[in-house]
Amino acid sequence: MALSTREGFPAFLSEENGHIPVQDGDCNWLVIVTREAMENVAEPPDASLDRLSQHSSLFLDVATFKLEHGRAGEEDTIWVQTDDITEWQSLQTN
């Protein structure tokens, strides 16, 4: 099931990572996007709330992929790193 943002819970930055509160219908999750992933998703490198928001659909697609393949983290978190995005993108072109 695809992840969707949780109403009333906006995305935010904490320390150097982006956080997107989401749900999958049954559970609430927190997608944590690393600074490097935000910086590498577009030019120029940027780890701002704007970058997180602009590419949130990509980050949620990658997080959904990880969740569907049993790669969610502990405590209802799903980490999205640069390698995860690269892997997901390579599978989209095949």
Protein backbone atom coordinates (compact mmCIF):
# COMPACT_ATOMS: atom_id res chain seq x y z
CA MET A 1 0.00 0.00 0.00
CA ALA A 2 1.33 3.44 -0.88
CA LEU A 3 2.29 5.83 1.86
CA SER A 4 0.52 9.17 2.14
CA THR A 5 1.24 12.21 4.25
CA ARG A 6 -0.57 12.51 7.54
CA GLU A 7 -3.06 15.36 7.63
CA GLY A 8 -2.13 17.97 10.21
CA PHE A 9 1.46 16.72 10.49
CA PRO A 10 3.70 18.76 8.17
CA ALA A 11 7.17 17.73 7.05
CA PHE A 12 9.99 19.18 9.11
CA LEU A 13 13.76 19.27 9.50
CA SER A 14 15.44 17.99 12.64
CA GLU A 15 19.18 18.27 12.99
CA GLU A 16 20.36 17.53 9.45
CA ASN A 17 17.60 15.18 8.26
CA GLY A 18 14.16 15.71 6.78
CA HIS A 19 11.14 14.06 8.39
CA ILE A 20 7.83 13.30 6.70
CA PRO A 21 5.00 11.93 8.88
CA VAL A 22 3.06 9.39 6.77
CA GLN A 23 0.52 6.59 7.03
CA ASP A 24 -0.17 3.42 5.10
CA GLY A 25 -3.80 2.99 6.05
CA ASP A 26 -3.13 0.90 9.15
CA CYS A 27 0.01 2.39 10.70
CA ASN A 28 1.66 5.73 11.14
CA TRP A 29 5.26 5.96 9.97
CA LEU A 30 8.00 8.56 9.97
CA VAL A 31 10.03 8.78 6.78
CA ILE A 32 13.48 10.15 7.58
CA VAL A 33 15.33 11.52 4.56
CA THR A 34 19.05 11.95 5.10
CA ARG A 35 20.75 15.25 4.38
CA GLU A 36 22.80 13.57 1.64
CA ALA A 37 19.67 12.22 -0.06
CA MET A 38 18.08 15.68 -0.10
CA GLU A 39 21.29 17.24 -1.42
CA ASN A 40 21.80 14.65 -4.17
CA VAL A 41 18.27 14.51 -5.56
CA ALA A 42 18.69 17.75 -7.56
CA GLU A 43 21.13 20.55 -8.31
CA PRO A 44 22.35 22.62 -6.63
CA PRO A 45 22.87 20.54 -3.47
CA ASP A 46 20.35 21.63 -0.86
CA ALA A 47 19.01 20.11 2.36
CA SER A 48 16.22 22.60 3.01
CA LEU A 49 12.55 22.21 3.84
CA ASP A 50 11.82 23.45 0.30
CA ARG A 51 13.86 20.59 -1.19
CA LEU A 52 12.15 18.10 1.09
CA SER A 53 8.73 19.40 0.05
CA GLN A 54 9.54 19.65 -3.68
CA HIS A 55 10.65 16.02 -3.85
CA SER A 56 8.37 14.52 -1.21
CA SER A 57 6.57 12.31 -3.76
CA LEU A 58 9.90 10.74 -4.78
CA PHE A 59 10.90 10.21 -1.16
CA LEU A 60 7.51 8.63 -0.41
CA ASP A 61 7.78 6.33 -3.47
CA VAL A 62 11.20 5.16 -2.27
CA ALA A 63 9.91 4.71 1.30
CA THR A 64 6.91 2.73 0.01
CA PHE A 65 9.28 0.48 -1.95
CA LYS A 66 11.38 -0.12 1.16
CA LEU A 67 8.29 -0.85 3.28
CA GLU A 68 6.92 -3.30 0.70
CA HIS A 69 10.26 -5.13 0.71
CA GLY A 70 10.52 -5.42 4.48
CA ARG A 71 13.19 -2.79 4.84
CA ALA A 72 11.54 -0.45 7.33
CA GLY A 73 13.45 0.60 10.41
CA GLU A 74 12.70 0.22 14.06
CA GLU A 75 10.05 2.26 15.86
CA ASP A 76 7.93 2.78 12.73
CA THR A 77 10.62 4.65 10.80
CA ILE A 78 11.71 4.33 7.19
CA TRP A 79 15.09 5.85 6.36
CA VAL A 80 15.64 7.13 2.81
CA GLN A 81 19.28 7.42 1.82
CA THR A 82 21.00 8.26 -1.46
CA ASP A 83 21.60 4.56 -2.23
CA ASP A 84 17.90 3.82 -1.74
CA ILE A 85 16.95 6.49 -4.27
CA THR A 86 19.53 5.20 -6.76
CA GLU A 87 18.27 1.64 -6.36
CA TRP A 88 14.63 2.65 -6.75
CA GLN A 89 15.39 4.79 -9.84
CA SER A 90 17.34 1.95 -11.49
CA LEU A 91 14.37 -0.37 -11.05
CA GLN A 92 12.01 2.18 -12.63
CA THR A 93 13.97 2.19 -15.90
CA ASN A 94 13.94 -1.62 -16.27
